Amino acid sequence: MNNTPSSLPLDGIRVLEFSHAALGPTCGMVLGDLGADVIKIEPTPNGDPTRKLKGFGLGYFPYLNRNKRSLVVNAKSAEGQAIIHGLLQSADVVIENFGPGTMERLGLGYEQLQERYPRLVYCALKGFLPGPYEQRMALDEVVQMMSGLAYMTGRPGDPLRAGASITDLMTGVYGAFGVVLALQQRERSGKGELVRTALFETTAFIMGHHMAYAARTTEPVPPMPARVSAWAIYHQFATSDDRRVFVGVTSDKQWPRFCTAFERPDLLADGSLATNNQRIDARDWLLDDLRTMFGRMTRDDILHRCEQANLPFAPIARPEDLFDDPQLIAGNSLLATTFPDGTQAKLPRLPLRFGDDALALRRNPPRMGQHTREILSELGHLPAEIDALLAQKIIVSEE
């Protein structure tokens, strides 16, 4: 494992995470990366069902559950409830992202815990904040569709969800942000509080600049692939070696550098292209010209010229390309991680630095019930008592 800073921001904070899929685990991972002792409470007998997802779900558990301990317990049993309340006595934070009413049915809703644990910060991560949609089931893709994000991402008439679970992850980050603020407030007031955030409202926040655009125009907002860009050159181009690059020219100061880098004195000398707005007026023939030019060049040649001229550019990458990205490697931005099944990979750190310190991997994503015995021992249970709970299937321990 990597070296950790001598003191992390949330050292000494204990978090109980009741979660599954991506939303709650993201919040818990952020808090764990920041130094909290995050105990992931999983249901018996099979633990978090996210562990067994296939397809694109394969990556959720190993990415979003580092820096946590796993306790598998039957929260519906009296014995399991006693274990959870034993943990609540020393817990600072509860986070949960189950459907509306689930935690209340377990006797673990905020209103049920508030009086008994007045310093507890309780973070409820839902599909919707209070309102007419509050009881609906929500998923990342659901809110992308209903917020306009899918409309903006796809081509006209073909809404398309974003290529990552952006609303799950961003809502989890906002939840962690709310928890940190509530802990700070507790230092002044001595009391915990309920923190709530939700997928739909997060996605609406992400869409805010498009809403502001809509408020200033009488035309329907076009999807991103059909938009008229604020810059004339801000596009993908095919290359001679059957690859693609993105190139932008986003200021009039960049235009001479672009023309010089690509040996186009003819374009530079054309007074009708001197300003960005003029280039937008000429964009149809100009982009056709540039497509032909770039189509005769290799990807690496284009990227080299753009970098030398200090222009905005990017290769069109795939997720697997990030494992070898020079910036991520040189910046030590990938954490060598061992998955519960033994697979090893380098996955992104939180994009934060505290001084020269990067937030490190202290614990690999846990095996199911890996820390059950350890946590119960910390609560004062004797080995024989733990063995009895195992025999009764109140808990599961994989050691």
Protein backbone atom coordinates (compact mmCIF):
# COMPACT_ATOMS: atom_id res chain seq x y z
CA MET A 1 0.00 0.00 0.00
CA ASN A 2 1.02 3.61 -0.48
CA ASN A 3 2.39 5.87 2.19
CA THR A 4 -0.25 8.00 3.90
CA PRO A 5 0.05 11.56 5.14
CA SER A 6 0.86 11.78 8.86
CA SER A 7 -2.57 13.27 9.56
CA LEU A 8 -5.65 13.07 7.38
CA PRO A 9 -8.54 15.55 7.55
CA LEU A 10 -11.05 13.02 8.91
CA ASP A 11 -8.78 11.05 11.23
CA GLY A 12 -10.82 9.89 14.23
CA ILE A 13 -14.20 10.09 12.44
CA ARG A 14 -16.22 6.88 12.27
CA VAL A 15 -18.70 6.37 9.44
CA LEU A 16 -21.31 3.62 9.14
CA GLU A 17 -22.14 3.08 5.49
CA PHE A 18 -25.43 1.40 4.57
CA SER A 19 -25.22 1.34 0.80
CA HIS A 20 -25.12 -0.42 -2.52
CA ALA A 21 -24.37 0.30 -6.19
CA ALA A 22 -22.53 3.60 -6.81
CA LEU A 23 -24.14 6.53 -4.99
CA GLY A 24 -23.62 5.63 -1.31
CA PRO A 25 -20.29 3.87 -1.92
CA THR A 26 -18.94 7.00 -3.63
CA CYS A 27 -19.79 9.10 -0.58
CA GLY A 28 -18.19 6.53 1.71
CA MET A 29 -15.08 6.23 -0.45
CA VAL A 30 -14.52 9.99 -0.39
CA LEU A 31 -14.84 10.05 3.40
CA GLY A 32 -12.59 7.01 3.71
CA ASP A 33 -9.95 8.53 1.44
CA LEU A 34 -10.04 11.62 3.68
CA GLY A 35 -9.14 9.46 6.68
CA ALA A 36 -12.45 8.35 8.20
CA ASP A 37 -12.90 4.83 9.54
CA VAL A 38 -15.66 3.71 7.17
CA ILE A 39 -17.46 0.53 8.15
CA LYS A 40 -19.44 -0.86 5.24
CA ILE A 41 -22.43 -2.68 6.72
CA GLU A 42 -23.55 -5.40 4.33
CA PRO A 43 -26.60 -7.69 4.57
CA THR A 44 -26.45 -11.40 5.28
CA PRO A 45 -25.98 -13.86 3.75
CA ASN A 46 -24.39 -12.59 0.52
CA GLY A 47 -23.24 -9.04 1.27
CA ASP A 48 -23.62 -6.07 -1.01
CA PRO A 49 -25.24 -7.36 -4.24
CA THR A 50 -23.03 -4.93 -6.18
CA ARG A 51 -20.19 -7.39 -5.56
CA LYS A 52 -21.74 -9.75 -8.12
CA LEU A 53 -22.85 -7.33 -10.84
CA LYS A 54 -21.91 -8.14 -14.41
CA GLY A 55 -21.54 -5.97 -17.50
CA PHE A 56 -20.61 -2.37 -16.77
CA GLY A 57 -21.40 -3.06 -13.10
CA LEU A 58 -18.17 -5.05 -12.83
CA GLY A 59 -16.24 -1.92 -11.90
CA TYR A 60 -18.49 -0.45 -9.21
CA PHE A 61 -17.44 -2.45 -6.18
CA PRO A 62 -13.67 -2.57 -6.71
CA TYR A 63 -13.48 1.14 -7.52
CA LEU A 64 -15.84 2.62 -4.95
CA ASN A 65 -15.09 0.59 -1.82
CA ARG A 66 -11.43 1.15 -1.00
CA ASN A 67 -10.43 2.44 2.45
CA LYS A 68 -13.37 0.67 4.11
CA ARG A 69 -13.93 -2.25 6.45
CA SER A 70 -16.64 -4.83 5.75
CA LEU A 71 -19.10 -6.02 8.40
CA VAL A 72 -21.78 -8.46 7.23
CA VAL A 73 -24.72 -8.55 9.65
CA ASN A 74 -28.43 -9.34 9.64
CA ALA A 75 -29.82 -5.91 10.56
CA LYS A 76 -33.35 -7.33 10.79
CA SER A 77 -32.49 -9.54 13.76
CA ALA A 78 -32.41 -8.42 17.39
CA GLU A 79 -28.80 -9.51 17.67
CA GLY A 80 -27.88 -7.62 14.51
CA GLN A 81 -29.64 -4.52 15.77
CA ALA A 82 -27.65 -4.75 19.00
CA ILE A 83 -24.41 -4.86 16.99
CA ILE A 84 -25.40 -1.83 14.92
CA HIS A 85 -26.43 0.17 17.97
CA GLY A 86 -23.15 -0.78 19.59
CA LEU A 87 -21.42 0.82 16.61
CA LEU A 88 -23.71 3.84 16.67
CA GLN A 89 -22.50 4.69 20.16
CA SER A 90 -19.10 5.58 18.70
CA ALA A 91 -20.20 6.61 15.20
CA ASP A 92 -20.00 10.17 13.96
CA VAL A 93 -21.74 9.65 10.62
CA VAL A 94 -24.32 7.38 9.01
CA ILE A 95 -24.67 7.40 5.23
CA GLU A 96 -27.35 5.49 3.34
CA ASN A 97 -28.69 5.35 -0.21
CA PHE A 98 -31.51 2.84 0.02
CA GLY A 99 -34.99 3.38 -1.37
CA PRO A 100 -37.42 5.64 0.52
CA GLY A 101 -38.54 4.06 3.79
CA THR A 102 -35.98 1.23 3.88
CA MET A 103 -33.92 2.55 6.77
CA GLU A 104 -37.07 3.50 8.68
CA ARG A 105 -38.35 -0.08 8.39
CA LEU A 106 -35.07 -1.19 9.97
CA GLY A 107 -35.53 1.31 12.81
CA LEU A 108 -32.48 3.19 11.55
CA GLY A 109 -34.00 6.31 10.01
CA TYR A 110 -32.82 9.73 11.06
CA GLU A 111 -35.87 10.55 13.18
CA GLN A 112 -35.52 7.21 14.96
CA LEU A 113 -31.84 7.78 15.81
CA GLN A 114 -31.72 11.53 16.39
CA GLU A 115 -32.74 11.62 20.05
CA ARG A 116 -30.64 8.65 21.09
CA TYR A 117 -27.53 9.83 19.22
CA PRO A 118 -27.76 13.64 19.14
CA ARG A 119 -24.22 14.17 17.75
CA LEU A 120 -24.82 11.88 14.79
CA VAL A 121 -24.52 13.35 11.30
CA TYR A 122 -26.93 11.42 9.07
CA CYS A 123 -26.50 11.61 5.29
CA ALA A 124 -29.45 10.38 3.22
CA LEU A 125 -28.63 10.01 -0.47
CA LYS A 126 -31.78 9.62 -2.53
CA GLY A 127 -33.22 9.89 -6.00
CA PHE A 128 -35.15 13.07 -5.22
CA LEU A 129 -35.26 15.65 -2.48
CA PRO A 130 -38.68 16.42 -0.87
CA GLY A 131 -41.36 17.09 -3.46
CA PRO A 132 -43.86 15.24 -5.63
CA TYR A 133 -41.19 12.82 -6.93
CA GLU A 134 -39.79 11.97 -3.50
CA GLN A 135 -41.15 8.40 -3.34
CA ARG A 136 -40.17 7.45 -6.87
CA MET A 137 -37.39 5.02 -7.58
CA ALA A 138 -34.49 6.68 -9.34
CA LEU A 139 -31.35 5.57 -11.12
CA ASP A 140 -28.51 7.48 -12.73
CA GLU A 141 -29.98 6.91 -16.18
CA VAL A 142 -33.49 7.87 -15.06
CA VAL A 143 -32.40 11.33 -13.91
CA GLN A 144 -30.16 11.84 -16.92
CA MET A 145 -33.22 11.32 -19.09
CA MET A 146 -35.61 13.51 -17.10
CA SER A 147 -33.16 16.37 -16.48
CA GLY A 148 -32.24 17.07 -20.09
CA LEU A 149 -28.70 15.73 -19.72
CA ALA A 150 -29.36 12.80 -22.08
CA TYR A 151 -31.02 15.18 -24.54
CA MET A 152 -27.96 17.44 -24.48
CA THR A 153 -25.51 14.54 -24.85
CA GLY A 154 -27.13 12.75 -27.78
CA ARG A 155 -27.67 13.83 -31.35
CA PRO A 156 -30.99 15.47 -32.25
CA GLY A 157 -33.82 13.01 -31.72
CA ASP A 158 -31.52 10.45 -30.08
CA PRO A 159 -31.05 11.15 -26.34
CA LEU A 160 -27.98 9.43 -24.93
CA ARG A 161 -26.86 9.00 -21.34
CA ALA A 162 -23.39 10.28 -20.48
CA GLY A 163 -20.65 7.69 -20.79
CA ALA A 164 -20.08 7.41 -17.02
CA SER A 165 -22.35 7.30 -13.97
CA ILE A 166 -21.76 10.99 -13.50
CA THR A 167 -24.86 11.75 -11.44
CA ASP A 168 -24.27 8.85 -9.03
CA LEU A 169 -20.66 9.90 -8.49
CA MET A 170 -21.29 13.64 -8.28
CA THR A 171 -24.21 13.18 -5.87
CA GLY A 172 -21.97 11.01 -3.69
CA VAL A 173 -19.30 13.71 -3.72
CA TYR A 174 -21.87 16.37 -2.77
CA GLY A 175 -23.04 14.09 0.04
CA ALA A 176 -19.50 13.81 1.37
CA PHE A 177 -19.14 17.59 1.12
CA GLY A 178 -22.35 17.98 3.13
CA VAL A 179 -21.08 15.54 5.77
CA VAL A 180 -17.83 17.46 6.18
CA LEU A 181 -19.77 20.72 6.58
CA ALA A 182 -22.14 19.14 9.10
CA LEU A 183 -19.17 17.85 11.12
CA GLN A 184 -17.74 21.37 11.12
CA GLN A 185 -21.10 22.75 12.25
CA ARG A 186 -21.20 20.14 15.02
CA GLU A 187 -17.96 21.54 16.40
CA ARG A 188 -19.83 24.79 17.07
CA SER A 189 -23.27 23.51 18.03
CA GLY A 190 -22.48 20.14 19.61
CA LYS A 191 -25.29 18.57 17.59
CA GLY A 192 -25.45 16.46 14.49
CA GLU A 193 -27.97 16.97 11.73
CA LEU A 194 -29.61 15.46 8.68
CA VAL A 195 -27.79 16.01 5.38
CA ARG A 196 -29.74 15.25 2.22
CA THR A 197 -28.83 15.29 -1.43
CA ALA A 198 -30.32 13.55 -4.44
CA LEU A 199 -29.63 12.43 -7.98
CA PHE A 200 -32.23 14.56 -9.74
CA GLU A 201 -31.36 17.81 -8.02
CA THR A 202 -27.66 17.17 -8.61
CA THR A 203 -28.31 16.65 -12.31
CA ALA A 204 -30.41 19.82 -12.43
CA PHE A 205 -27.44 21.66 -10.91
CA ILE A 206 -25.18 20.23 -13.61
CA MET A 207 -27.68 21.46 -16.21
CA GLY A 208 -27.82 24.99 -14.77
CA HIS A 209 -25.74 26.70 -17.45
CA HIS A 210 -27.97 25.21 -20.16
CA MET A 211 -31.00 26.51 -18.26
CA ALA A 212 -29.40 29.96 -18.13
CA TYR A 213 -28.80 29.75 -21.89
CA ALA A 214 -32.46 28.80 -22.40
CA ALA A 215 -33.53 31.83 -20.36
CA ARG A 216 -31.63 34.15 -22.71
CA THR A 217 -32.82 32.80 -26.06
CA THR A 218 -36.15 32.20 -27.74
CA GLU A 219 -34.83 29.18 -29.65
CA PRO A 220 -34.92 25.62 -28.28
CA VAL A 221 -31.60 24.63 -26.74
CA PRO A 222 -29.82 22.38 -29.26
CA PRO A 223 -28.11 19.15 -28.16
CA MET A 224 -24.35 19.47 -27.89
CA PRO A 225 -23.61 17.63 -31.18
CA ALA A 226 -25.88 20.12 -33.02
CA ARG A 227 -24.82 23.30 -31.25
CA VAL A 228 -23.18 26.28 -32.84
CA SER A 229 -19.99 26.42 -30.81
CA ALA A 230 -18.77 29.68 -29.32
CA TRP A 231 -15.53 28.99 -31.22
CA ALA A 232 -15.21 28.34 -34.93
CA ILE A 233 -12.58 25.62 -34.51
CA TYR A 234 -13.57 23.34 -31.66
CA HIS A 235 -14.00 19.93 -33.22
CA GLN A 236 -12.86 16.37 -33.69
CA PHE A 237 -10.95 15.55 -36.84
CA ALA A 238 -10.08 12.25 -38.50
CA THR A 239 -6.39 11.62 -39.22
CA SER A 240 -4.52 9.79 -41.96
CA ASP A 241 -3.84 6.85 -39.65
CA ASP A 242 -7.56 6.26 -38.93
CA ARG A 243 -7.53 7.92 -35.54
CA ARG A 244 -9.21 11.02 -34.19
CA VAL A 245 -8.08 14.18 -32.44
CA PHE A 246 -9.79 17.17 -30.90
CA VAL A 247 -8.39 20.61 -31.77
CA GLY A 248 -9.60 23.98 -30.54
CA VAL A 249 -8.79 27.59 -31.37
CA THR A 250 -10.47 29.57 -28.61
CA SER A 251 -9.00 33.06 -28.96
CA ASP A 252 -7.82 35.40 -31.66
CA LYS A 253 -4.32 35.21 -30.17
CA GLN A 254 -4.29 31.48 -30.85
CA TRP A 255 -5.26 31.86 -34.51
CA PRO A 256 -1.83 33.04 -35.76
CA ARG A 257 -0.15 30.29 -33.74
CA PHE A 258 -2.48 27.72 -35.28
CA CYS A 259 -1.81 28.94 -38.83
CA THR A 260 1.95 28.98 -38.24
CA ALA A 261 2.01 25.54 -36.57
CA PHE A 262 0.15 23.96 -39.48
CA GLU A 263 1.95 25.95 -42.19
CA ARG A 264 -1.13 27.76 -43.42
CA PRO A 265 0.00 31.31 -44.32
CA ASP A 266 -2.96 31.48 -46.71
CA LEU A 267 -5.43 31.28 -43.83
CA LEU A 268 -3.47 33.77 -41.75
CA ALA A 269 -3.40 36.24 -44.64
CA ASP A 270 -7.15 35.99 -45.22
CA GLY A 271 -8.62 39.09 -43.56
CA SER A 272 -12.07 37.51 -43.49
CA LEU A 273 -10.77 35.02 -40.89
CA ALA A 274 -9.07 37.50 -38.55
CA THR A 275 -11.57 37.24 -35.69
CA ASN A 276 -13.38 34.33 -34.11
CA ASN A 277 -16.78 35.69 -35.15
CA GLN A 278 -15.59 35.97 -38.73
CA ARG A 279 -14.33 32.40 -38.59
CA ILE A 280 -17.74 31.29 -37.29
CA ASP A 281 -19.36 32.95 -40.31
CA ALA A 282 -16.93 31.03 -42.52
CA ARG A 283 -17.07 27.80 -40.53
CA ASP A 284 -18.71 25.64 -43.22
CA TRP A 285 -15.94 26.02 -45.80
CA LEU A 286 -13.22 26.51 -43.18
CA LEU A 287 -13.99 23.25 -41.38
CA ASP A 288 -14.15 21.38 -44.69
CA ASP A 289 -10.70 22.76 -45.49
CA LEU A 290 -9.32 21.74 -42.09
CA ARG A 291 -10.85 18.27 -42.31
CA THR A 292 -8.98 17.74 -45.55
CA MET A 293 -5.75 19.11 -44.04
CA PHE A 294 -5.90 17.01 -40.89
CA GLY A 295 -6.94 13.98 -42.93
CA ARG A 296 -3.51 14.03 -44.59
CA MET A 297 -1.67 14.12 -41.25
CA THR A 298 -0.98 11.50 -38.61
CA ARG A 299 -2.43 11.83 -35.14
CA ASP A 300 0.99 12.19 -33.49
CA ASP A 301 2.04 14.92 -35.91
CA ILE A 302 -1.11 16.93 -35.17
CA LEU A 303 -0.72 16.52 -31.42
CA HIS A 304 2.94 17.54 -31.54
CA ARG A 305 2.22 20.71 -33.51
CA CYS A 306 -0.64 21.67 -31.18
CA GLU A 307 1.50 21.15 -28.10
CA GLN A 308 4.36 23.19 -29.54
CA ALA A 309 1.95 26.02 -30.38
CA ASN A 310 0.22 25.85 -26.98
CA LEU A 311 -3.21 25.17 -28.47
CA PRO A 312 -6.10 23.23 -26.90
CA PHE A 313 -5.94 19.63 -28.14
CA ALA A 314 -6.59 16.06 -27.13
CA PRO A 315 -6.27 12.56 -28.48
CA ILE A 316 -9.59 10.68 -28.38
CA ALA A 317 -8.84 8.16 -25.64
CA ARG A 318 -10.54 5.05 -24.29
CA PRO A 319 -10.80 4.15 -20.57
CA GLU A 320 -8.02 1.56 -20.86
CA ASP A 321 -5.66 4.25 -22.18
CA LEU A 322 -5.67 5.95 -18.78
CA PHE A 323 -3.65 3.13 -17.18
CA ASP A 324 -0.63 4.34 -19.15
CA ASP A 325 -1.36 8.06 -19.30
CA PRO A 326 1.92 9.93 -18.70
CA GLN A 327 0.24 12.69 -16.67
CA LEU A 328 -1.49 10.27 -14.32
CA ILE A 329 1.66 8.18 -13.93
CA ALA A 330 4.03 11.10 -13.36
CA GLY A 331 1.61 12.73 -10.91
CA ASN A 332 1.18 9.47 -8.98
CA SER A 333 -2.56 9.86 -9.53
CA LEU A 334 -3.33 6.14 -9.79
CA LEU A 335 -3.56 3.83 -6.79
CA ALA A 336 -2.37 0.24 -7.13
CA THR A 337 -5.46 -1.62 -5.95
CA THR A 338 -6.16 -5.29 -5.28
CA PHE A 339 -9.78 -6.28 -5.86
CA PRO A 340 -11.56 -8.80 -3.60
CA ASP A 341 -11.11 -11.50 -6.29
CA GLY A 342 -7.36 -10.88 -6.45
CA THR A 343 -7.40 -8.81 -9.65
CA GLN A 344 -4.96 -5.91 -9.52
CA ALA A 345 -5.26 -2.56 -11.27
CA LYS A 346 -4.31 1.07 -10.88
CA LEU A 347 -7.36 3.26 -10.22
CA PRO A 348 -7.73 7.03 -9.80
CA ARG A 349 -7.10 8.79 -6.51
CA LEU A 350 -9.35 11.59 -5.40
CA PRO A 351 -8.19 14.62 -7.40
CA LEU A 352 -7.05 16.47 -4.27
CA ARG A 353 -3.71 17.36 -2.75
CA PHE A 354 -3.09 18.73 0.73
CA GLY A 355 0.22 20.48 0.37
CA ASP A 356 2.45 17.82 -1.12
CA ASP A 357 0.38 14.97 0.30
CA ALA A 358 -1.86 12.82 -1.89
CA LEU A 359 -4.69 10.82 -0.38
CA ALA A 360 -3.53 7.22 -0.29
CA LEU A 361 -4.84 3.69 -0.34
CA ARG A 362 -4.89 2.46 3.26
CA ARG A 363 -7.18 -0.51 2.66
CA ASN A 364 -7.98 -2.41 -0.52
CA PRO A 365 -11.68 -2.98 -1.28
CA PRO A 366 -12.67 -5.54 1.36
CA ARG A 367 -13.66 -9.14 0.91
CA MET A 368 -17.18 -9.80 2.10
CA GLY A 369 -17.17 -9.82 5.91
CA GLN A 370 -13.38 -9.44 5.98
CA HIS A 371 -13.50 -7.27 9.11
CA THR A 372 -16.55 -8.71 10.86
CA ARG A 373 -14.59 -10.45 13.59
CA GLU A 374 -12.24 -7.50 14.02
CA ILE A 375 -15.08 -5.00 14.42
CA LEU A 376 -17.02 -7.16 16.86
CA SER A 377 -13.88 -7.65 18.92
CA GLU A 378 -13.52 -3.86 19.10
CA LEU A 379 -17.09 -3.73 20.45
CA GLY A 380 -16.08 -6.09 23.25
CA HIS A 381 -17.47 -9.38 21.93
CA LEU A 382 -15.47 -12.40 23.03
CA PRO A 383 -14.34 -15.00 20.46
CA ALA A 384 -16.92 -17.49 21.70
CA GLU A 385 -19.68 -14.92 21.32
CA ILE A 386 -18.58 -14.15 17.78
CA ASP A 387 -18.50 -17.85 16.97
CA ALA A 388 -22.06 -18.21 18.27
CA LEU A 389 -23.26 -15.31 16.10
CA LEU A 390 -21.58 -16.93 13.12
CA ALA A 391 -23.27 -20.24 13.86
CA GLN A 392 -26.65 -18.49 14.09
CA LYS A 393 -25.91 -16.74 10.75
CA ILE A 394 -26.42 -13.35 12.36
CA ILE A 395 -23.06 -12.35 10.92
CA VAL A 396 -20.76 -13.54 8.15
CA SER A 397 -16.99 -13.48 8.41
CA GLU A 398 -14.59 -14.26 5.59
CA GLU A 399 -11.09 -14.15 7.00
